[in-house]
Amino acid sequence: SLVLDEDVSETNALKFPELYRELQKRRYLSIKTFLVWVWKAVYQGSVIMLGGMLLFEQRFVHVVGITFTALILTELIMVAVEVKRWHPLMLLAQVLTLFIYLASIVALSS
């Protein structure tokens, strides 16, 4: 979904190259930005795992399914939050991902 996301139209990007001056100078895609992204990922993973273990300690056998479901839902929400301009294929990908995951739960529950 994020591959199709665009801040401005292609026409405006070609018309105003100064919009991407920061990217041309490599300021935005720095090691600091990368480390912030890594920190967010580690934080999310920790909250999902520890939250799943603490909230469902009576059902520790099901902690894998619970945490994986939390991961799928969190990532779908994060993609929805990050997208600037929605493309119809993005919405289709989000809905299809959720549908396939729920269908696999039903199909593989036995």
PDB file of N, CA and C in Angstrom:
ATOM      1  N   SER A   1       0.798  -1.200   0.000  1.00  0.00           N
ATOM      2  CA  SER A   1       0.000   0.000   0.000  1.00  0.00           C
ATOM      3  C   SER A   1       0.841   1.265   0.000  1.00  0.00           C
ATOM      4  N   LEU A   2       1.914   1.255   0.784  1.00  0.00           N
ATOM      5  CA  LEU A   2       2.739   2.465   0.877  1.00  0.00           C
ATOM      6  C   LEU A   2       3.521   2.744  -0.398  1.00  0.00           C
ATOM      7  N   VAL A   3       3.648   1.738  -1.258  1.00  0.00           N
ATOM      8  CA  VAL A   3       4.361   1.955  -2.526  1.00  0.00           C
ATOM      9  C   VAL A   3       3.593   2.926  -3.411  1.00  0.00           C
ATOM     10  N   LEU A   4       2.278   2.895  -3.330  1.00  0.00           N
ATOM     11  CA  LEU A   4       1.447   3.758  -4.169  1.00  0.00           C
ATOM     12  C   LEU A   4       1.204   5.130  -3.561  1.00  0.00           C
ATOM     13  N   ASP A   5       1.661   5.357  -2.323  1.00  0.00           N
ATOM     14  CA  ASP A   5       1.429   6.635  -1.648  1.00  0.00           C
ATOM     15  C   ASP A   5       2.275   7.724  -2.290  1.00  0.00           C
ATOM     16  N   GLU A   6       1.688   8.900  -2.456  1.00  0.00           N
ATOM     17  CA  GLU A   6       2.427  10.041  -3.014  1.00  0.00           C
ATOM     18  C   GLU A   6       1.988  11.316  -2.306  1.00  0.00           C
ATOM     19  N   ASP A   7       2.971  12.177  -2.028  1.00  0.00           N
ATOM     20  CA  ASP A   7       2.686  13.437  -1.343  1.00  0.00           C
ATOM     21  C   ASP A   7       2.036  14.452  -2.279  1.00  0.00           C
ATOM     22  N   VAL A   8       2.610  14.552  -3.456  1.00  0.00           N
ATOM     23  CA  VAL A   8       2.109  15.494  -4.455  1.00  0.00           C
ATOM     24  C   VAL A   8       1.993  14.752  -5.780  1.00  0.00           C
ATOM     25  N   SER A   9       1.283  15.347  -6.714  1.00  0.00           N
ATOM     26  CA  SER A   9       1.128  14.710  -8.023  1.00  0.00           C
ATOM     27  C   SER A   9       2.455  14.746  -8.781  1.00  0.00           C
ATOM     28  N   GLU A  10       2.557  13.890  -9.768  1.00  0.00           N
ATOM     29  CA  GLU A  10       3.782  13.827 -10.580  1.00  0.00           C
ATOM     30  C   GLU A  10       4.030  15.153 -11.299  1.00  0.00           C
ATOM     31  N   THR A  11       2.965  15.787 -11.752  1.00  0.00           N
ATOM     32  CA  THR A  11       3.089  17.074 -12.440  1.00  0.00           C
ATOM     33  C   THR A  11       3.697  18.132 -11.519  1.00  0.00           C
ATOM     34  N   ASN A  12       3.198  18.224 -10.288  1.00  0.00           N
ATOM     35  CA  ASN A  12       3.741  19.205  -9.342  1.00  0.00           C
ATOM     36  C   ASN A  12       5.169  18.870  -8.916  1.00  0.00           C
ATOM     37  N   ALA A  13       5.484  17.594  -8.819  1.00  0.00           N
ATOM     38  CA  ALA A  13       6.852  17.207  -8.448  1.00  0.00           C
ATOM     39  C   ALA A  13       7.847  17.641  -9.531  1.00  0.00           C
ATOM     40  N   LEU A  14       7.450  17.506 -10.800  1.00  0.00           N
ATOM     41  CA  LEU A  14       8.334  17.931 -11.890  1.00  0.00           C
ATOM     42  C   LEU A  14       8.353  19.451 -12.031  1.00  0.00           C
ATOM     43  N   LYS A  15       7.242  20.075 -11.707  1.00  0.00           N
ATOM     44  CA  LYS A  15       7.131  21.521 -11.832  1.00  0.00           C
ATOM     45  C   LYS A  15       7.901  22.249 -10.723  1.00  0.00           C
ATOM     46  N   PHE A  16       7.914  21.665  -9.524  1.00  0.00           N
ATOM     47  CA  PHE A  16       8.566  22.288  -8.361  1.00  0.00           C
ATOM     48  C   PHE A  16       9.583  21.330  -7.733  1.00  0.00           C
ATOM     49  N   PRO A  17      10.778  21.210  -8.318  1.00  0.00           N
ATOM     50  CA  PRO A  17      11.769  20.266  -7.774  1.00  0.00           C
ATOM     51  C   PRO A  17      12.259  20.645  -6.374  1.00  0.00           C
ATOM     52  N   GLU A  18      12.040  21.892  -5.952  1.00  0.00           N
ATOM     53  CA  GLU A  18      12.475  22.299  -4.607  1.00  0.00           C
ATOM     54  C   GLU A  18      11.686  21.599  -3.504  1.00  0.00           C
ATOM     55  N   LEU A  19      10.541  20.979  -3.865  1.00  0.00           N
ATOM     56  CA  LEU A  19       9.779  20.230  -2.882  1.00  0.00           C
ATOM     57  C   LEU A  19      10.599  19.072  -2.307  1.00  0.00           C
ATOM     58  N   TYR A  20      11.510  18.558  -3.107  1.00  0.00           N
ATOM     59  CA  TYR A  20      12.307  17.416  -2.688  1.00  0.00           C
ATOM     60  C   TYR A  20      13.773  17.778  -2.487  1.00  0.00           C
ATOM     61  N   ARG A  21      14.034  19.039  -2.193  1.00  0.00           N
ATOM     62  CA  ARG A  21      15.398  19.496  -1.953  1.00  0.00           C
ATOM     63  C   ARG A  21      16.037  18.748  -0.780  1.00  0.00           C
ATOM     64  N   GLU A  22      15.253  18.548   0.288  1.00  0.00           N
ATOM     65  CA  GLU A  22      15.778  17.851   1.473  1.00  0.00           C
ATOM     66  C   GLU A  22      16.188  16.418   1.123  1.00  0.00           C
ATOM     67  N   LEU A  23      15.400  15.751   0.288  1.00  0.00           N
ATOM     68  CA  LEU A  23      15.766  14.396  -0.122  1.00  0.00           C
ATOM     69  C   LEU A  23      17.012  14.391  -0.995  1.00  0.00           C
ATOM     70  N   GLN A  24      17.154  15.402  -1.839  1.00  0.00           N
ATOM     71  CA  GLN A  24      18.326  15.481  -2.695  1.00  0.00           C
ATOM     72  C   GLN A  24      19.594  15.699  -1.887  1.00  0.00           C
ATOM     73  N   LYS A  25      19.479  16.382  -0.750  1.00  0.00           N
ATOM     74  CA  LYS A  25      20.633  16.612   0.113  1.00  0.00           C
ATOM     75  C   LYS A  25      20.835  15.483   1.120  1.00  0.00           C
ATOM     76  N   ARG A  26      19.980  14.456   1.055  1.00  0.00           N
ATOM     77  CA  ARG A  26      20.042  13.284   1.924  1.00  0.00           C
ATOM     78  C   ARG A  26      19.880  13.630   3.399  1.00  0.00           C
ATOM     79  N   ARG A  27      19.130  14.656   3.701  1.00  0.00           N
ATOM     80  CA  ARG A  27      18.905  15.021   5.098  1.00  0.00           C
ATOM     81  C   ARG A  27      17.781  14.205   5.719  1.00  0.00           C
ATOM     82  N   TYR A  28      16.756  13.900   4.949  1.00  0.00           N
ATOM     83  CA  TYR A  28      15.604  13.201   5.498  1.00  0.00           C
ATOM     84  C   TYR A  28      15.919  11.724   5.746  1.00  0.00           C
ATOM     85  N   LEU A  29      16.578  11.087   4.814  1.00  0.00           N
ATOM     86  CA  LEU A  29      16.899   9.668   4.936  1.00  0.00           C
ATOM     87  C   LEU A  29      18.273   9.505   5.578  1.00  0.00           C
ATOM     88  N   SER A  30      18.366   9.853   6.839  1.00  0.00           N
ATOM     89  CA  SER A  30      19.635   9.802   7.552  1.00  0.00           C
ATOM     90  C   SER A  30      19.646   8.618   8.518  1.00  0.00           C
ATOM     91  N   ILE A  31      20.770   8.412   9.170  1.00  0.00           N
ATOM     92  CA  ILE A  31      20.884   7.346  10.154  1.00  0.00           C
ATOM     93  C   ILE A  31      19.961   7.621  11.337  1.00  0.00           C
ATOM     94  N   LYS A  32      19.766   8.899  11.671  1.00  0.00           N
ATOM     95  CA  LYS A  32      18.861   9.258  12.765  1.00  0.00           C
ATOM     96  C   LYS A  32      17.431   8.830  12.444  1.00  0.00           C
ATOM     97  N   THR A  33      16.977   9.105  11.233  1.00  0.00           N
ATOM     98  CA  THR A  33      15.635   8.711  10.815  1.00  0.00           C
ATOM     99  C   THR A  33      15.489   7.197  10.864  1.00  0.00           C
ATOM    100  N   PHE A  34      16.508   6.492  10.385  1.00  0.00           N
ATOM    101  CA  PHE A  34      16.478   5.038  10.404  1.00  0.00           C
ATOM    102  C   PHE A  34      16.384   4.509  11.830  1.00  0.00           C
ATOM    103  N   LEU A  35      17.170   5.075  12.735  1.00  0.00           N
ATOM    104  CA  LEU A  35      17.148   4.622  14.125  1.00  0.00           C
ATOM    105  C   LEU A  35      15.804   4.922  14.800  1.00  0.00           C
ATOM    106  N   VAL A  36      15.168   6.023  14.442  1.00  0.00           N
ATOM    107  CA  VAL A  36      13.830   6.321  14.973  1.00  0.00           C
ATOM    108  C   VAL A  36      12.841   5.263  14.497  1.00  0.00           C
ATOM    109  N   TRP A  37      12.922   4.881  13.223  1.00  0.00           N
ATOM    110  CA  TRP A  37      12.041   3.844  12.693  1.00  0.00           C
ATOM    111  C   TRP A  37      12.287   2.512  13.401  1.00  0.00           C
ATOM    112  N   VAL A  38      13.550   2.180  13.632  1.00  0.00           N
ATOM    113  CA  VAL A  38      13.885   0.934  14.326  1.00  0.00           C
ATOM    114  C   VAL A  38      13.333   0.979  15.752  1.00  0.00           C
ATOM    115  N   TRP A  39      13.498   2.115  16.437  1.00  0.00           N
ATOM    116  CA  TRP A  39      12.984   2.236  17.795  1.00  0.00           C
ATOM    117  C   TRP A  39      11.467   2.045  17.829  1.00  0.00           C
ATOM    118  N   LYS A  40      10.759   2.638  16.880  1.00  0.00           N
ATOM    119  CA  LYS A  40       9.303   2.477  16.831  1.00  0.00           C
ATOM    120  C   LYS A  40       8.931   1.005  16.648  1.00  0.00           C
ATOM    121  N   ALA A  41       9.656   0.306  15.782  1.00  0.00           N
ATOM    122  CA  ALA A  41       9.373  -1.112  15.528  1.00  0.00           C
ATOM    123  C   ALA A  41       9.639  -1.963  16.764  1.00  0.00           C
ATOM    124  N   VAL A  42      10.749  -1.708  17.447  1.00  0.00           N
ATOM    125  CA  VAL A  42      11.068  -2.466  18.663  1.00  0.00           C
ATOM    126  C   VAL A  42      10.032  -2.171  19.749  1.00  0.00           C
ATOM    127  N   TYR A  43       9.647  -0.917  19.884  1.00  0.00           N
ATOM    128  CA  TYR A  43       8.647  -0.536  20.877  1.00  0.00           C
ATOM    129  C   TYR A  43       7.313  -1.226  20.598  1.00  0.00           C
ATOM    130  N   GLN A  44       6.865  -1.174  19.343  1.00  0.00           N
ATOM    131  CA  GLN A  44       5.600  -1.816  18.984  1.00  0.00           C
ATOM    132  C   GLN A  44       5.652  -3.310  19.264  1.00  0.00           C
ATOM    133  N   GLY A  45       6.723  -3.948  18.852  1.00  0.00           N
ATOM    134  CA  GLY A  45       6.861  -5.388  19.071  1.00  0.00           C
ATOM    135  C   GLY A  45       6.874  -5.738  20.545  1.00  0.00           C
ATOM    136  N   SER A  46       7.558  -4.929  21.339  1.00  0.00           N
ATOM    137  CA  SER A  46       7.619  -5.181  22.784  1.00  0.00           C
ATOM    138  C   SER A  46       6.256  -5.020  23.434  1.00  0.00           C
ATOM    139  N   VAL A  47       5.544  -3.959  23.066  1.00  0.00           N
ATOM    140  CA  VAL A  47       4.213  -3.743  23.643  1.00  0.00           C
ATOM    141  C   VAL A  47       3.270  -4.873  23.251  1.00  0.00           C
ATOM    142  N   ILE A  48       3.332  -5.299  22.006  1.00  0.00           N
ATOM    143  CA  ILE A  48       2.457  -6.375  21.548  1.00  0.00           C
ATOM    144  C   ILE A  48       2.773  -7.671  22.288  1.00  0.00           C
ATOM    145  N   MET A  49       4.045  -8.048  22.374  1.00  0.00           N
ATOM    146  CA  MET A  49       4.415  -9.306  23.032  1.00  0.00           C
ATOM    147  C   MET A  49       4.156  -9.258  24.531  1.00  0.00           C
ATOM    148  N   LEU A  50       4.654  -8.224  25.203  1.00  0.00           N
ATOM    149  CA  LEU A  50       4.474  -8.144  26.654  1.00  0.00           C
ATOM    150  C   LEU A  50       3.010  -7.947  27.020  1.00  0.00           C
ATOM    151  N   GLY A  51       2.299  -7.130  26.249  1.00  0.00           N
ATOM    152  CA  GLY A  51       0.875  -6.939  26.496  1.00  0.00           C
ATOM    153  C   GLY A  51       0.101  -8.229  26.335  1.00  0.00           C
ATOM    154  N   GLY A  52       0.410  -8.973  25.292  1.00  0.00           N
ATOM    155  CA  GLY A  52      -0.252 -10.260  25.079  1.00  0.00           C
ATOM    156  C   GLY A  52       0.040 -11.247  26.184  1.00  0.00           C
ATOM    157  N   MET A  53       1.282 -11.268  26.657  1.00  0.00           N
ATOM    158  CA  MET A  53       1.648 -12.196  27.726  1.00  0.00           C
ATOM    159  C   MET A  53       1.025 -11.798  29.061  1.00  0.00           C
ATOM    160  N   LEU A  54       0.980 -10.508  29.354  1.00  0.00           N
ATOM    161  CA  LEU A  54       0.427 -10.057  30.630  1.00  0.00           C
ATOM    162  C   LEU A  54      -1.102 -10.132  30.671  1.00  0.00           C
ATOM    163  N   LEU A  55      -1.738  -9.746  29.570  1.00  0.00           N
ATOM    164  CA  LEU A  55      -3.199  -9.727  29.557  1.00  0.00           C
ATOM    165  C   LEU A  55      -3.816 -11.114  29.442  1.00  0.00           C
ATOM    166  N   PHE A  56      -3.105 -12.035  28.819  1.00  0.00           N
ATOM    167  CA  PHE A  56      -3.673 -13.363  28.568  1.00  0.00           C
ATOM    168  C   PHE A  56      -2.816 -14.456  29.184  1.00  0.00           C
ATOM    169  N   GLU A  57      -2.369 -14.253  30.415  1.00  0.00           N
ATOM    170  CA  GLU A  57      -1.492 -15.240  31.037  1.00  0.00           C
ATOM    171  C   GLU A  57      -2.223 -16.544  31.340  1.00  0.00           C
ATOM    172  N   GLN A  58      -3.554 -16.517  31.527  1.00  0.00           N
ATOM    173  CA  GLN A  58      -4.294 -17.757  31.737  1.00  0.00           C
ATOM    174  C   GLN A  58      -4.346 -18.592  30.457  1.00  0.00           C
ATOM    175  N   ARG A  59      -4.277 -17.925  29.344  1.00  0.00           N
ATOM    176  CA  ARG A  59      -4.328 -18.613  28.045  1.00  0.00           C
ATOM    177  C   ARG A  59      -2.982 -18.496  27.343  1.00  0.00           C
ATOM    178  N   PHE A  60      -1.936 -18.842  28.048  1.00  0.00           N
ATOM    179  CA  PHE A  60      -0.588 -18.682  27.496  1.00  0.00           C
ATOM    180  C   PHE A  60      -0.381 -19.530  26.245  1.00  0.00           C
ATOM    181  N   VAL A  61      -1.153 -20.607  26.106  1.00  0.00           N
ATOM    182  CA  VAL A  61      -1.046 -21.465  24.925  1.00  0.00           C
ATOM    183  C   VAL A  61      -1.417 -20.684  23.667  1.00  0.00           C
ATOM    184  N   HIS A  62      -2.348 -19.743  23.800  1.00  0.00           N
ATOM    185  CA  HIS A  62      -2.841 -18.984  22.648  1.00  0.00           C
ATOM    186  C   HIS A  62      -2.105 -17.661  22.440  1.00  0.00           C
ATOM    187  N   VAL A  63      -1.007 -17.444  23.154  1.00  0.00           N
ATOM    188  CA  VAL A  63      -0.322 -16.150  23.082  1.00  0.00           C
ATOM    189  C   VAL A  63       0.218 -15.875  21.680  1.00  0.00           C
ATOM    190  N   VAL A  64       0.595 -16.906  20.950  1.00  0.00           N
ATOM    191  CA  VAL A  64       1.111 -16.701  19.589  1.00  0.00           C
ATOM    192  C   VAL A  64       0.009 -16.166  18.680  1.00  0.00           C
ATOM    193  N   GLY A  65      -1.146 -16.761  18.730  1.00  0.00           N
ATOM    194  CA  GLY A  65      -2.265 -16.290  17.910  1.00  0.00           C
ATOM    195  C   GLY A  65      -2.724 -14.899  18.289  1.00  0.00           C
ATOM    196  N   ILE A  66      -2.750 -14.634  19.586  1.00  0.00           N
ATOM    197  CA  ILE A  66      -3.174 -13.325  20.065  1.00  0.00           C
ATOM    198  C   ILE A  66      -2.197 -12.242  19.638  1.00  0.00           C
ATOM    199  N   THR A  67      -0.906 -12.495  19.831  1.00  0.00           N
ATOM    200  CA  THR A  67       0.087 -11.476  19.481  1.00  0.00           C
ATOM    201  C   THR A  67       0.196 -11.294  17.969  1.00  0.00           C
ATOM    202  N   PHE A  68       0.043 -12.378  17.203  1.00  0.00           N
ATOM    203  CA  PHE A  68       0.102 -12.231  15.747  1.00  0.00           C
ATOM    204  C   PHE A  68      -1.093 -11.442  15.239  1.00  0.00           C
ATOM    205  N   THR A  69      -2.263 -11.668  15.822  1.00  0.00           N
ATOM    206  CA  THR A  69      -3.447 -10.889  15.454  1.00  0.00           C
ATOM    207  C   THR A  69      -3.228  -9.418  15.789  1.00  0.00           C
ATOM    208  N   ALA A  70      -2.672  -9.153  16.976  1.00  0.00           N
ATOM    209  CA  ALA A  70      -2.375  -7.766  17.350  1.00  0.00           C
ATOM    210  C   ALA A  70      -1.375  -7.149  16.381  1.00  0.00           C
ATOM    211  N   LEU A  71      -0.391  -7.915  15.949  1.00  0.00           N
ATOM    212  CA  LEU A  71       0.597  -7.413  14.988  1.00  0.00           C
ATOM    213  C   LEU A  71      -0.053  -7.060  13.657  1.00  0.00           C
ATOM    214  N   ILE A  72      -0.882  -7.950  13.141  1.00  0.00           N
ATOM    215  CA  ILE A  72      -1.557  -7.697  11.855  1.00  0.00           C
ATOM    216  C   ILE A  72      -2.414  -6.434  11.944  1.00  0.00           C
ATOM    217  N   LEU A  73      -3.215  -6.333  12.998  1.00  0.00           N
ATOM    218  CA  LEU A  73      -4.092  -5.165  13.140  1.00  0.00           C
ATOM    219  C   LEU A  73      -3.291  -3.883  13.332  1.00  0.00           C
ATOM    220  N   THR A  74      -2.213  -3.950  14.103  1.00  0.00           N
ATOM    221  CA  THR A  74      -1.366  -2.771  14.316  1.00  0.00           C
ATOM    222  C   THR A  74      -0.735  -2.309  13.009  1.00  0.00           C
ATOM    223  N   GLU A  75      -0.234  -3.233  12.231  1.00  0.00           N
ATOM    224  CA  GLU A  75       0.396  -2.846  10.960  1.00  0.00           C
ATOM    225  C   GLU A  75      -0.614  -2.284   9.974  1.00  0.00           C
ATOM    226  N   LEU A  76      -1.810  -2.834   9.934  1.00  0.00           N
ATOM    227  CA  LEU A  76      -2.845  -2.263   9.057  1.00  0.00           C
ATOM    228  C   LEU A  76      -3.190  -0.840   9.484  1.00  0.00           C
ATOM    229  N   ILE A  77      -3.269  -0.619  10.785  1.00  0.00           N
ATOM    230  CA  ILE A  77      -3.552   0.729  11.284  1.00  0.00           C
ATOM    231  C   ILE A  77      -2.389   1.670  10.972  1.00  0.00           C
ATOM    232  N   MET A  78      -1.156   1.205  11.157  1.00  0.00           N
ATOM    233  CA  MET A  78       0.015   2.050  10.894  1.00  0.00           C
ATOM    234  C   MET A  78       0.102   2.442   9.416  1.00  0.00           C
ATOM    235  N   VAL A  79      -0.212   1.518   8.536  1.00  0.00           N
ATOM    236  CA  VAL A  79      -0.217   1.848   7.103  1.00  0.00           C
ATOM    237  C   VAL A  79      -1.298   2.890   6.826  1.00  0.00           C
ATOM    238  N   ALA A  80      -2.464   2.716   7.418  1.00  0.00           N
ATOM    239  CA  ALA A  80      -3.554   3.675   7.203  1.00  0.00           C
ATOM    240  C   ALA A  80      -3.189   5.060   7.728  1.00  0.00           C
ATOM    241  N   VAL A  81      -2.442   5.118   8.816  1.00  0.00           N
ATOM    242  CA  VAL A  81      -2.054   6.405   9.392  1.00  0.00           C
ATOM    243  C   VAL A  81      -0.971   7.085   8.546  1.00  0.00           C
ATOM    244  N   GLU A  82      -0.074   6.305   7.980  1.00  0.00           N
ATOM    245  CA  GLU A  82       1.051   6.870   7.231  1.00  0.00           C
ATOM    246  C   GLU A  82       0.689   7.361   5.831  1.00  0.00           C
ATOM    247  N   VAL A  83      -0.362   6.818   5.252  1.00  0.00           N
ATOM    248  CA  VAL A  83      -0.724   7.159   3.875  1.00  0.00           C
ATOM    249  C   VAL A  83      -1.224   8.597   3.810  1.00  0.00           C
ATOM    250  N   LYS A  84      -0.703   9.342   2.836  1.00  0.00           N
ATOM    251  CA  LYS A  84      -1.098  10.738   2.651  1.00  0.00           C
ATOM    252  C   LYS A  84      -2.279  10.862   1.680  1.00  0.00           C
ATOM    253  N   ARG A  85      -2.171  10.198   0.543  1.00  0.00           N
ATOM    254  CA  ARG A  85      -3.229  10.226  -0.467  1.00  0.00           C
ATOM    255  C   ARG A  85      -3.604   8.798  -0.812  1.00  0.00           C
ATOM    256  N   TRP A  86      -4.859   8.449  -0.577  1.00  0.00           N
ATOM    257  CA  TRP A  86      -5.312   7.078  -0.793  1.00  0.00           C
ATOM    258  C   TRP A  86      -5.548   6.786  -2.272  1.00  0.00           C
ATOM    259  N   HIS A  87      -5.125   5.623  -2.684  1.00  0.00           N
ATOM    260  CA  HIS A  87      -5.355   5.092  -4.018  1.00  0.00           C
ATOM    261  C   HIS A  87      -6.348   3.935  -3.848  1.00  0.00           C
ATOM    262  N   PRO A  88      -7.235   3.708  -4.783  1.00  0.00           N
ATOM    263  CA  PRO A  88      -8.199   2.606  -4.622  1.00  0.00           C
ATOM    264  C   PRO A  88      -7.539   1.242  -4.378  1.00  0.00           C
ATOM    265  N   LEU A  89      -6.386   1.010  -4.982  1.00  0.00           N
ATOM    266  CA  LEU A  89      -5.696  -0.260  -4.756  1.00  0.00           C
ATOM    267  C   LEU A  89      -5.186  -0.388  -3.317  1.00  0.00           C
ATOM    268  N   MET A  90      -4.892   0.737  -2.678  1.00  0.00           N
ATOM    269  CA  MET A  90      -4.458   0.709  -1.283  1.00  0.00           C
ATOM    270  C   MET A  90      -5.588   0.209  -0.390  1.00  0.00           C
ATOM    271  N   LEU A  91      -6.760   0.769  -0.609  1.00  0.00           N
ATOM    272  CA  LEU A  91      -7.921   0.351   0.171  1.00  0.00           C
ATOM    273  C   LEU A  91      -8.226  -1.123  -0.079  1.00  0.00           C
ATOM    274  N   LEU A  92      -8.144  -1.538  -1.315  1.00  0.00           N
ATOM    275  CA  LEU A  92      -8.363  -2.938  -1.657  1.00  0.00           C
ATOM    276  C   LEU A  92      -7.351  -3.832  -0.947  1.00  0.00           C
ATOM    277  N   ALA A  93      -6.091  -3.418  -0.920  1.00  0.00           N
ATOM    278  CA  ALA A  93      -5.047  -4.212  -0.263  1.00  0.00           C
ATOM    279  C   ALA A  93      -5.307  -4.326   1.237  1.00  0.00           C
ATOM    280  N   GLN A  94      -5.729  -3.246   1.873  1.00  0.00           N
ATOM    281  CA  GLN A  94      -6.025  -3.275   3.307  1.00  0.00           C
ATOM    282  C   GLN A  94      -7.177  -4.237   3.607  1.00  0.00           C
ATOM    283  N   VAL A  95      -8.269  -4.098   2.856  1.00  0.00           N
ATOM    284  CA  VAL A  95      -9.450  -4.933   3.079  1.00  0.00           C
ATOM    285  C   VAL A  95      -9.138  -6.394   2.756  1.00  0.00           C
ATOM    286  N   LEU A  96      -8.434  -6.633   1.665  1.00  0.00           N
ATOM    287  CA  LEU A  96      -8.089  -7.993   1.261  1.00  0.00           C
ATOM    288  C   LEU A  96      -7.174  -8.663   2.287  1.00  0.00           C
ATOM    289  N   THR A  97      -6.224  -7.917   2.832  1.00  0.00           N
ATOM    290  CA  THR A  97      -5.337  -8.460   3.866  1.00  0.00           C
ATOM    291  C   THR A  97      -6.143  -8.898   5.077  1.00  0.00           C
ATOM    292  N   LEU A  98      -7.024  -8.046   5.530  1.00  0.00           N
ATOM    293  CA  LEU A  98      -7.850  -8.374   6.690  1.00  0.00           C
ATOM    294  C   LEU A  98      -8.752  -9.572   6.400  1.00  0.00           C
ATOM    295  N   PHE A  99      -9.358  -9.607   5.213  1.00  0.00           N
ATOM    296  CA  PHE A  99     -10.236 -10.713   4.844  1.00  0.00           C
ATOM    297  C   PHE A  99      -9.468 -12.027   4.777  1.00  0.00           C
ATOM    298  N   ILE A 100      -8.307 -12.030   4.149  1.00  0.00           N
ATOM    299  CA  ILE A 100      -7.514 -13.259   4.027  1.00  0.00           C
ATOM    300  C   ILE A 100      -7.057 -13.748   5.401  1.00  0.00           C
ATOM    301  N   TYR A 101      -6.672 -12.816   6.270  1.00  0.00           N
ATOM    302  CA  TYR A 101      -6.252 -13.223   7.609  1.00  0.00           C
ATOM    303  C   TYR A 101      -7.411 -13.842   8.381  1.00  0.00           C
ATOM    304  N   LEU A 102      -8.570 -13.194   8.352  1.00  0.00           N
ATOM    305  CA  LEU A 102      -9.736 -13.736   9.060  1.00  0.00           C
ATOM    306  C   LEU A 102     -10.172 -15.071   8.456  1.00  0.00           C
ATOM    307  N   ALA A 103     -10.114 -15.202   7.135  1.00  0.00           N
ATOM    308  CA  ALA A 103     -10.462 -16.470   6.486  1.00  0.00           C
ATOM    309  C   ALA A 103      -9.465 -17.560   6.869  1.00  0.00           C
ATOM    310  N   SER A 104      -8.196 -17.215   6.991  1.00  0.00           N
ATOM    311  CA  SER A 104      -7.212 -18.239   7.379  1.00  0.00           C
ATOM    312  C   SER A 104      -7.416 -18.680   8.830  1.00  0.00           C
ATOM    313  N   ILE A 105      -7.853 -17.774   9.691  1.00  0.00           N
ATOM    314  CA  ILE A 105      -8.157 -18.153  11.071  1.00  0.00           C
ATOM    315  C   ILE A 105      -9.295 -19.165  11.091  1.00  0.00           C
ATOM    316  N   VAL A 106     -10.351 -18.891  10.322  1.00  0.00           N
ATOM    317  CA  VAL A 106     -11.501 -19.797  10.271  1.00  0.00           C
ATOM    318  C   VAL A 106     -11.103 -21.133   9.649  1.00  0.00           C
ATOM    319  N   ALA A 107     -10.353 -21.084   8.559  1.00  0.00           N
ATOM    320  CA  ALA A 107      -9.982 -22.311   7.852  1.00  0.00           C
ATOM    321  C   ALA A 107      -8.995 -23.173   8.642  1.00  0.00           C
ATOM    322  N   LEU A 108      -8.105 -22.543   9.377  1.00  0.00           N
ATOM    323  CA  LEU A 108      -7.069 -23.290  10.077  1.00  0.00           C
ATOM    324  C   LEU A 108      -7.349 -23.476  11.570  1.00  0.00           C
ATOM    325  N   SER A 109      -8.540 -23.135  12.015  1.00  0.00           N
ATOM    326  CA  SER A 109      -8.847 -23.217  13.444  1.00  0.00           C
ATOM    327  C   SER A 109      -8.952 -24.654  13.950  1.00  0.00           C
ATOM    328  N   SER A 110      -9.221 -25.562  13.077  1.00  0.00           N
ATOM    329  CA  SER A 110      -9.330 -26.960  13.520  1.00  0.00           C
ATOM    330  C   SER A 110      -7.954 -27.546  13.606  1.00  0.00           C
TER     331      SER A 110
END
